[in-house]
Amino acid sequence: MSQKYTQTPKIIRENITHLALFRDSGSWDDIHRIVRQYTDDPKKASKIIDKYLRDQNFVVFDFTKATDDPLAIRLGWNIPLKLDE
């Protein structure tokens, strides 16, 4: 568990199975820096994720799922997050 994903050693980041982003997870730039590693359109995805985080939701990246699995990126624990809205 870490408060600052980007300051976590790379060896740990490369071996995580899940990443949860909560409100105050950092600036929009921090969110963009994280999201660009896992989405095709990081600018658009960052805006959508930031909106949900501001609404006091949380977003989970599940690296045990295939990238095309609807639950690979989700709102809360079990709602697929649609990044093409």
PDB file of N, CA and C in Angstrom:
ATOM      1  N   MET A   1       0.850  -1.158   0.000  1.00  0.00           N
ATOM      2  CA  MET A   1       0.000   0.000   0.000  1.00  0.00           C
ATOM      3  C   MET A   1       0.905   1.234   0.000  1.00  0.00           C
ATOM      4  N   SER A   2       0.522   2.197  -0.799  1.00  0.00           N
ATOM      5  CA  SER A   2       1.326   3.401  -0.917  1.00  0.00           C
ATOM      6  C   SER A   2       0.425   4.607  -1.103  1.00  0.00           C
ATOM      7  N   GLN A   3       0.854   5.734  -0.604  1.00  0.00           N
ATOM      8  CA  GLN A   3       0.113   6.966  -0.783  1.00  0.00           C
ATOM      9  C   GLN A   3       0.423   7.608  -2.123  1.00  0.00           C
ATOM     10  N   LYS A   4       1.578   7.348  -2.670  1.00  0.00           N
ATOM     11  CA  LYS A   4       2.040   7.997  -3.895  1.00  0.00           C
ATOM     12  C   LYS A   4       2.541   6.937  -4.873  1.00  0.00           C
ATOM     13  N   TYR A   5       1.704   6.550  -5.822  1.00  0.00           N
ATOM     14  CA  TYR A   5       2.033   5.498  -6.780  1.00  0.00           C
ATOM     15  C   TYR A   5       3.329   5.787  -7.521  1.00  0.00           C
ATOM     16  N   THR A   6       3.493   7.030  -7.970  1.00  0.00           N
ATOM     17  CA  THR A   6       4.664   7.365  -8.777  1.00  0.00           C
ATOM     18  C   THR A   6       5.958   7.332  -7.980  1.00  0.00           C
ATOM     19  N   GLN A   7       5.866   7.342  -6.652  1.00  0.00           N
ATOM     20  CA  GLN A   7       7.070   7.273  -5.826  1.00  0.00           C
ATOM     21  C   GLN A   7       7.340   5.865  -5.304  1.00  0.00           C
ATOM     22  N   THR A   8       6.461   4.938  -5.658  1.00  0.00           N
ATOM     23  CA  THR A   8       6.660   3.551  -5.286  1.00  0.00           C
ATOM     24  C   THR A   8       7.746   2.970  -6.195  1.00  0.00           C
ATOM     25  N   PRO A   9       8.673   2.188  -5.656  1.00  0.00           N
ATOM     26  CA  PRO A   9       9.728   1.610  -6.491  1.00  0.00           C
ATOM     27  C   PRO A   9       9.143   0.842  -7.677  1.00  0.00           C
ATOM     28  N   LYS A  10       9.790   0.971  -8.812  1.00  0.00           N
ATOM     29  CA  LYS A  10       9.318   0.361 -10.057  1.00  0.00           C
ATOM     30  C   LYS A  10       9.132  -1.147  -9.925  1.00  0.00           C
ATOM     31  N   ILE A  11      10.006  -1.817  -9.211  1.00  0.00           N
ATOM     32  CA  ILE A  11       9.903  -3.274  -9.044  1.00  0.00           C
ATOM     33  C   ILE A  11       8.574  -3.647  -8.379  1.00  0.00           C
ATOM     34  N   ILE A  12       8.103  -2.820  -7.471  1.00  0.00           N
ATOM     35  CA  ILE A  12       6.817  -3.078  -6.814  1.00  0.00           C
ATOM     36  C   ILE A  12       5.677  -2.756  -7.773  1.00  0.00           C
ATOM     37  N   ARG A  13       5.755  -1.606  -8.454  1.00  0.00           N
ATOM     38  CA  ARG A  13       4.694  -1.216  -9.403  1.00  0.00           C
ATOM     39  C   ARG A  13       4.503  -2.277 -10.480  1.00  0.00           C
ATOM     40  N   GLU A  14       5.572  -2.905 -10.906  1.00  0.00           N
ATOM     41  CA  GLU A  14       5.479  -3.909 -11.971  1.00  0.00           C
ATOM     42  C   GLU A  14       4.870  -5.225 -11.489  1.00  0.00           C
ATOM     43  N   ASN A  15       4.714  -5.393 -10.201  1.00  0.00           N
ATOM     44  CA  ASN A  15       4.203  -6.655  -9.660  1.00  0.00           C
ATOM     45  C   ASN A  15       2.864  -6.533  -8.943  1.00  0.00           C
ATOM     46  N   ILE A  16       2.207  -5.384  -9.051  1.00  0.00           N
ATOM     47  CA  ILE A  16       0.915  -5.248  -8.389  1.00  0.00           C
ATOM     48  C   ILE A  16      -0.178  -5.930  -9.204  1.00  0.00           C
ATOM     49  N   THR A  17      -1.227  -6.349  -8.535  1.00  0.00           N
ATOM     50  CA  THR A  17      -2.368  -6.955  -9.223  1.00  0.00           C
ATOM     51  C   THR A  17      -3.542  -5.985  -9.320  1.00  0.00           C
ATOM     52  N   HIS A  18      -3.597  -5.011  -8.422  1.00  0.00           N
ATOM     53  CA  HIS A  18      -4.682  -4.036  -8.408  1.00  0.00           C
ATOM     54  C   HIS A  18      -4.127  -2.657  -8.056  1.00  0.00           C
ATOM     55  N   LEU A  19      -4.802  -1.638  -8.563  1.00  0.00           N
ATOM     56  CA  LEU A  19      -4.470  -0.263  -8.222  1.00  0.00           C
ATOM     57  C   LEU A  19      -5.782   0.465  -7.980  1.00  0.00           C
ATOM     58  N   ALA A  20      -5.942   1.046  -6.814  1.00  0.00           N
ATOM     59  CA  ALA A  20      -7.155   1.799  -6.483  1.00  0.00           C
ATOM     60  C   ALA A  20      -6.799   3.275  -6.366  1.00  0.00           C
ATOM     61  N   LEU A  21      -7.563   4.095  -7.070  1.00  0.00           N
ATOM     62  CA  LEU A  21      -7.393   5.545  -6.990  1.00  0.00           C
ATOM     63  C   LEU A  21      -8.575   6.121  -6.230  1.00  0.00           C
ATOM     64  N   PHE A  22      -8.275   6.951  -5.250  1.00  0.00           N
ATOM     65  CA  PHE A  22      -9.295   7.597  -4.441  1.00  0.00           C
ATOM     66  C   PHE A  22      -9.215   9.101  -4.629  1.00  0.00           C
ATOM     67  N   ARG A  23     -10.222   9.793  -4.137  1.00  0.00           N
ATOM     68  CA  ARG A  23     -10.201  11.253  -4.163  1.00  0.00           C
ATOM     69  C   ARG A  23      -8.908  11.736  -3.521  1.00  0.00           C
ATOM     70  N   ASP A  24      -8.362  12.793  -4.044  1.00  0.00           N
ATOM     71  CA  ASP A  24      -7.083  13.336  -3.582  1.00  0.00           C
ATOM     72  C   ASP A  24      -5.932  12.375  -3.861  1.00  0.00           C
ATOM     73  N   SER A  25      -6.069  11.586  -4.935  1.00  0.00           N
ATOM     74  CA  SER A  25      -4.975  10.699  -5.342  1.00  0.00           C
ATOM     75  C   SER A  25      -3.832  11.472  -5.967  1.00  0.00           C
ATOM     76  N   GLY A  26      -4.011  12.755  -6.106  1.00  0.00           N
ATOM     77  CA  GLY A  26      -2.991  13.603  -6.698  1.00  0.00           C
ATOM     78  C   GLY A  26      -3.618  14.581  -7.667  1.00  0.00           C
ATOM     79  N   SER A  27      -2.792  15.292  -8.350  1.00  0.00           N
ATOM     80  CA  SER A  27      -3.267  16.267  -9.325  1.00  0.00           C
ATOM     81  C   SER A  27      -3.740  15.547 -10.589  1.00  0.00           C
ATOM     82  N   TRP A  28      -4.338  16.311 -11.495  1.00  0.00           N
ATOM     83  CA  TRP A  28      -4.751  15.747 -12.772  1.00  0.00           C
ATOM     84  C   TRP A  28      -3.533  15.189 -13.502  1.00  0.00           C
ATOM     85  N   ASP A  29      -2.397  15.862 -13.397  1.00  0.00           N
ATOM     86  CA  ASP A  29      -1.165  15.373 -14.035  1.00  0.00           C
ATOM     87  C   ASP A  29      -0.734  14.037 -13.454  1.00  0.00           C
ATOM     88  N   ASP A  30      -0.857  13.879 -12.141  1.00  0.00           N
ATOM     89  CA  ASP A  30      -0.515  12.599 -11.506  1.00  0.00           C
ATOM     90  C   ASP A  30      -1.427  11.478 -12.025  1.00  0.00           C
ATOM     91  N   ILE A  31      -2.719  11.784 -12.091  1.00  0.00           N
ATOM     92  CA  ILE A  31      -3.675  10.793 -12.584  1.00  0.00           C
ATOM     93  C   ILE A  31      -3.356  10.441 -14.035  1.00  0.00           C
ATOM     94  N   HIS A  32      -3.080  11.455 -14.844  1.00  0.00           N
ATOM     95  CA  HIS A  32      -2.746  11.237 -16.256  1.00  0.00           C
ATOM     96  C   HIS A  32      -1.495  10.365 -16.388  1.00  0.00           C
ATOM     97  N   ARG A  33      -0.507  10.610 -15.551  1.00  0.00           N
ATOM     98  CA  ARG A  33       0.751   9.852 -15.589  1.00  0.00           C
ATOM     99  C   ARG A  33       0.492   8.367 -15.294  1.00  0.00           C
ATOM    100  N   ILE A  34      -0.412   8.095 -14.385  1.00  0.00           N
ATOM    101  CA  ILE A  34      -0.757   6.711 -14.055  1.00  0.00           C
ATOM    102  C   ILE A  34      -1.588   6.088 -15.177  1.00  0.00           C
ATOM    103  N   VAL A  35      -2.633   6.795 -15.579  1.00  0.00           N
ATOM    104  CA  VAL A  35      -3.598   6.265 -16.538  1.00  0.00           C
ATOM    105  C   VAL A  35      -2.974   6.002 -17.905  1.00  0.00           C
ATOM    106  N   ARG A  36      -2.014   6.818 -18.318  1.00  0.00           N
ATOM    107  CA  ARG A  36      -1.446   6.653 -19.660  1.00  0.00           C
ATOM    108  C   ARG A  36      -0.749   5.300 -19.837  1.00  0.00           C
ATOM    109  N   GLN A  37      -0.389   4.664 -18.731  1.00  0.00           N
ATOM    110  CA  GLN A  37       0.246   3.352 -18.818  1.00  0.00           C
ATOM    111  C   GLN A  37      -0.756   2.245 -19.124  1.00  0.00           C
ATOM    112  N   TYR A  38      -2.050   2.525 -18.893  1.00  0.00           N
ATOM    113  CA  TYR A  38      -3.041   1.454 -18.941  1.00  0.00           C
ATOM    114  C   TYR A  38      -4.211   1.692 -19.883  1.00  0.00           C
ATOM    115  N   THR A  39      -4.244   2.826 -20.585  1.00  0.00           N
ATOM    116  CA  THR A  39      -5.364   3.105 -21.489  1.00  0.00           C
ATOM    117  C   THR A  39      -4.854   3.571 -22.851  1.00  0.00           C
ATOM    118  N   ASP A  40      -5.722   3.478 -23.845  1.00  0.00           N
ATOM    119  CA  ASP A  40      -5.358   3.900 -25.199  1.00  0.00           C
ATOM    120  C   ASP A  40      -5.453   5.412 -25.376  1.00  0.00           C
ATOM    121  N   ASP A  41      -6.370   6.060 -24.666  1.00  0.00           N
ATOM    122  CA  ASP A  41      -6.559   7.503 -24.769  1.00  0.00           C
ATOM    123  C   ASP A  41      -6.437   8.101 -23.371  1.00  0.00           C
ATOM    124  N   PRO A  42      -5.201   8.292 -22.892  1.00  0.00           N
ATOM    125  CA  PRO A  42      -5.012   8.714 -21.498  1.00  0.00           C
ATOM    126  C   PRO A  42      -5.593  10.086 -21.173  1.00  0.00           C
ATOM    127  N   LYS A  43      -5.605  10.994 -22.116  1.00  0.00           N
ATOM    128  CA  LYS A  43      -6.148  12.330 -21.834  1.00  0.00           C
ATOM    129  C   LYS A  43      -7.645  12.243 -21.527  1.00  0.00           C
ATOM    130  N   LYS A  44      -8.371  11.563 -22.393  1.00  0.00           N
ATOM    131  CA  LYS A  44      -9.809  11.393 -22.203  1.00  0.00           C
ATOM    132  C   LYS A  44     -10.108  10.569 -20.952  1.00  0.00           C
ATOM    133  N   ALA A  45      -9.365   9.463 -20.781  1.00  0.00           N
ATOM    134  CA  ALA A  45      -9.573   8.595 -19.620  1.00  0.00           C
ATOM    135  C   ALA A  45      -9.286   9.341 -18.319  1.00  0.00           C
ATOM    136  N   SER A  46      -8.247  10.154 -18.302  1.00  0.00           N
ATOM    137  CA  SER A  46      -7.891  10.917 -17.102  1.00  0.00           C
ATOM    138  C   SER A  46      -9.002  11.871 -16.713  1.00  0.00           C
ATOM    139  N   LYS A  47      -9.613  12.515 -17.697  1.00  0.00           N
ATOM    140  CA  LYS A  47     -10.722  13.445 -17.411  1.00  0.00           C
ATOM    141  C   LYS A  47     -11.921  12.704 -16.825  1.00  0.00           C
ATOM    142  N   ILE A  48     -12.236  11.547 -17.401  1.00  0.00           N
ATOM    143  CA  ILE A  48     -13.369  10.758 -16.907  1.00  0.00           C
ATOM    144  C   ILE A  48     -13.091  10.268 -15.486  1.00  0.00           C
ATOM    145  N   ILE A  49     -11.901   9.728 -15.265  1.00  0.00           N
ATOM    146  CA  ILE A  49     -11.538   9.219 -13.936  1.00  0.00           C
ATOM    147  C   ILE A  49     -11.515  10.350 -12.918  1.00  0.00           C
ATOM    148  N   ASP A  50     -10.958  11.490 -13.286  1.00  0.00           N
ATOM    149  CA  ASP A  50     -10.908  12.640 -12.380  1.00  0.00           C
ATOM    150  C   ASP A  50     -12.318  13.072 -11.981  1.00  0.00           C
ATOM    151  N   LYS A  51     -13.249  13.057 -12.933  1.00  0.00           N
ATOM    152  CA  LYS A  51     -14.644  13.423 -12.630  1.00  0.00           C
ATOM    153  C   LYS A  51     -15.219  12.488 -11.571  1.00  0.00           C
ATOM    154  N   TYR A  52     -15.015  11.183 -11.749  1.00  0.00           N
ATOM    155  CA  TYR A  52     -15.540  10.231 -10.770  1.00  0.00           C
ATOM    156  C   TYR A  52     -14.868  10.400  -9.408  1.00  0.00           C
ATOM    157  N   LEU A  53     -13.581  10.638  -9.400  1.00  0.00           N
ATOM    158  CA  LEU A  53     -12.880  10.829  -8.127  1.00  0.00           C
ATOM    159  C   LEU A  53     -13.383  12.072  -7.413  1.00  0.00           C
ATOM    160  N   ARG A  54     -13.667  13.132  -8.153  1.00  0.00           N
ATOM    161  CA  ARG A  54     -14.200  14.362  -7.548  1.00  0.00           C
ATOM    162  C   ARG A  54     -15.588  14.134  -6.955  1.00  0.00           C
ATOM    163  N   ASP A  55     -16.320  13.179  -7.525  1.00  0.00           N
ATOM    164  CA  ASP A  55     -17.649  12.838  -7.006  1.00  0.00           C
ATOM    165  C   ASP A  55     -17.565  11.847  -5.851  1.00  0.00           C
ATOM    166  N   GLN A  56     -16.388  11.683  -5.305  1.00  0.00           N
ATOM    167  CA  GLN A  56     -16.097  10.834  -4.143  1.00  0.00           C
ATOM    168  C   GLN A  56     -16.303   9.347  -4.422  1.00  0.00           C
ATOM    169  N   ASN A  57     -16.072   8.948  -5.654  1.00  0.00           N
ATOM    170  CA  ASN A  57     -16.028   7.537  -6.014  1.00  0.00           C
ATOM    171  C   ASN A  57     -14.571   7.098  -5.999  1.00  0.00           C
ATOM    172  N   PHE A  58     -14.327   5.827  -6.215  1.00  0.00           N
ATOM    173  CA  PHE A  58     -12.961   5.372  -6.404  1.00  0.00           C
ATOM    174  C   PHE A  58     -12.904   4.455  -7.618  1.00  0.00           C
ATOM    175  N   VAL A  59     -11.722   4.389  -8.212  1.00  0.00           N
ATOM    176  CA  VAL A  59     -11.519   3.636  -9.447  1.00  0.00           C
ATOM    177  C   VAL A  59     -10.481   2.551  -9.195  1.00  0.00           C
ATOM    178  N   VAL A  60     -10.763   1.347  -9.681  1.00  0.00           N
ATOM    179  CA  VAL A  60      -9.867   0.210  -9.503  1.00  0.00           C
ATOM    180  C   VAL A  60      -9.370  -0.265 -10.865  1.00  0.00           C
ATOM    181  N   PHE A  61      -8.069  -0.420 -10.978  1.00  0.00           N
ATOM    182  CA  PHE A  61      -7.450  -1.059 -12.132  1.00  0.00           C
ATOM    183  C   PHE A  61      -7.122  -2.482 -11.686  1.00  0.00           C
ATOM    184  N   ASP A  62      -7.642  -3.474 -12.401  1.00  0.00           N
ATOM    185  CA  ASP A  62      -7.412  -4.877 -12.049  1.00  0.00           C
ATOM    186  C   ASP A  62      -6.511  -5.488 -13.112  1.00  0.00           C
ATOM    187  N   PHE A  63      -5.257  -5.682 -12.778  1.00  0.00           N
ATOM    188  CA  PHE A  63      -4.277  -6.181 -13.733  1.00  0.00           C
ATOM    189  C   PHE A  63      -4.320  -7.695 -13.896  1.00  0.00           C
ATOM    190  N   THR A  64      -5.224  -8.369 -13.168  1.00  0.00           N
ATOM    191  CA  THR A  64      -5.407  -9.804 -13.361  1.00  0.00           C
ATOM    192  C   THR A  64      -6.396 -10.074 -14.499  1.00  0.00           C
ATOM    193  N   LYS A  65      -7.080  -9.032 -14.959  1.00  0.00           N
ATOM    194  CA  LYS A  65      -8.066  -9.147 -16.045  1.00  0.00           C
ATOM    195  C   LYS A  65      -7.421  -8.781 -17.377  1.00  0.00           C
ATOM    196  N   ALA A  66      -7.944  -9.350 -18.434  1.00  0.00           N
ATOM    197  CA  ALA A  66      -7.501  -8.976 -19.780  1.00  0.00           C
ATOM    198  C   ALA A  66      -7.883  -7.518 -20.036  1.00  0.00           C
ATOM    199  N   THR A  67      -7.106  -6.827 -20.848  1.00  0.00           N
ATOM    200  CA  THR A  67      -7.370  -5.402 -21.089  1.00  0.00           C
ATOM    201  C   THR A  67      -8.735  -5.158 -21.730  1.00  0.00           C
ATOM    202  N   ASP A  68      -9.285  -6.131 -22.444  1.00  0.00           N
ATOM    203  CA  ASP A  68     -10.598  -5.948 -23.049  1.00  0.00           C
ATOM    204  C   ASP A  68     -11.741  -6.400 -22.133  1.00  0.00           C
ATOM    205  N   ASP A  69     -11.426  -6.875 -20.950  1.00  0.00           N
ATOM    206  CA  ASP A  69     -12.442  -7.266 -19.970  1.00  0.00           C
ATOM    207  C   ASP A  69     -13.082  -5.993 -19.419  1.00  0.00           C
ATOM    208  N   PRO A  70     -14.418  -5.921 -19.399  1.00  0.00           N
ATOM    209  CA  PRO A  70     -15.075  -4.714 -18.892  1.00  0.00           C
ATOM    210  C   PRO A  70     -14.721  -4.379 -17.440  1.00  0.00           C
ATOM    211  N   LEU A  71     -14.307  -5.373 -16.670  1.00  0.00           N
ATOM    212  CA  LEU A  71     -13.962  -5.125 -15.269  1.00  0.00           C
ATOM    213  C   LEU A  71     -12.475  -4.870 -15.043  1.00  0.00           C
ATOM    214  N   ALA A  72     -11.710  -4.708 -16.110  1.00  0.00           N
ATOM    215  CA  ALA A  72     -10.289  -4.402 -15.952  1.00  0.00           C
ATOM    216  C   ALA A  72     -10.097  -3.028 -15.313  1.00  0.00           C
ATOM    217  N   ILE A  73     -10.954  -2.085 -15.677  1.00  0.00           N
ATOM    218  CA  ILE A  73     -10.983  -0.766 -15.021  1.00  0.00           C
ATOM    219  C   ILE A  73     -12.419  -0.568 -14.569  1.00  0.00           C
ATOM    220  N   ARG A  74     -12.585  -0.339 -13.284  1.00  0.00           N
ATOM    221  CA  ARG A  74     -13.961  -0.266 -12.782  1.00  0.00           C
ATOM    222  C   ARG A  74     -14.151   0.838 -11.759  1.00  0.00           C
ATOM    223  N   LEU A  75     -15.386   1.224 -11.648  1.00  0.00           N
ATOM    224  CA  LEU A  75     -15.809   2.215 -10.674  1.00  0.00           C
ATOM    225  C   LEU A  75     -16.227   1.452  -9.431  1.00  0.00           C
ATOM    226  N   GLY A  76     -15.551   1.712  -8.336  1.00  0.00           N
ATOM    227  CA  GLY A  76     -15.797   0.906  -7.145  1.00  0.00           C
ATOM    228  C   GLY A  76     -15.283  -0.504  -7.381  1.00  0.00           C
ATOM    229  N   TRP A  77     -15.918  -1.463  -6.734  1.00  0.00           N
ATOM    230  CA  TRP A  77     -15.422  -2.840  -6.837  1.00  0.00           C
ATOM    231  C   TRP A  77     -16.003  -3.622  -7.995  1.00  0.00           C
ATOM    232  N   ASN A  78     -17.200  -3.236  -8.479  1.00  0.00           N
ATOM    233  CA  ASN A  78     -17.836  -4.132  -9.452  1.00  0.00           C
ATOM    234  C   ASN A  78     -18.611  -3.458 -10.579  1.00  0.00           C
ATOM    235  N   ILE A  79     -18.410  -2.176 -10.818  1.00  0.00           N
ATOM    236  CA  ILE A  79     -19.091  -1.493 -11.916  1.00  0.00           C
ATOM    237  C   ILE A  79     -18.085  -1.175 -13.014  1.00  0.00           C
ATOM    238  N   PRO A  80     -18.260  -1.755 -14.204  1.00  0.00           N
ATOM    239  CA  PRO A  80     -17.325  -1.450 -15.292  1.00  0.00           C
ATOM    240  C   PRO A  80     -17.290   0.064 -15.555  1.00  0.00           C
ATOM    241  N   LEU A  81     -16.113   0.603 -15.730  1.00  0.00           N
ATOM    242  CA  LEU A  81     -15.964   2.035 -15.992  1.00  0.00           C
ATOM    243  C   LEU A  81     -15.854   2.228 -17.502  1.00  0.00           C
ATOM    244  N   LYS A  82     -16.799   2.935 -18.057  1.00  0.00           N
ATOM    245  CA  LYS A  82     -16.839   3.194 -19.493  1.00  0.00           C
ATOM    246  C   LYS A  82     -15.994   4.431 -19.774  1.00  0.00           C
ATOM    247  N   LEU A  83     -14.845   4.212 -20.404  1.00  0.00           N
ATOM    248  CA  LEU A  83     -13.940   5.326 -20.700  1.00  0.00           C
ATOM    249  C   LEU A  83     -14.212   5.932 -22.066  1.00  0.00           C
ATOM    250  N   ASP A  84     -15.228   5.433 -22.765  1.00  0.00           N
ATOM    251  CA  ASP A  84     -15.557   5.976 -24.084  1.00  0.00           C
ATOM    252  C   ASP A  84     -16.799   6.850 -24.051  1.00  0.00           C
ATOM    253  N   GLU A  85     -17.141   7.353 -22.864  1.00  0.00           N
ATOM    254  CA  GLU A  85     -18.331   8.215 -22.714  1.00  0.00           C
ATOM    255  C   GLU A  85     -18.125   9.543 -23.385  1.00  0.00           C
TER     256      GLU A  85
END
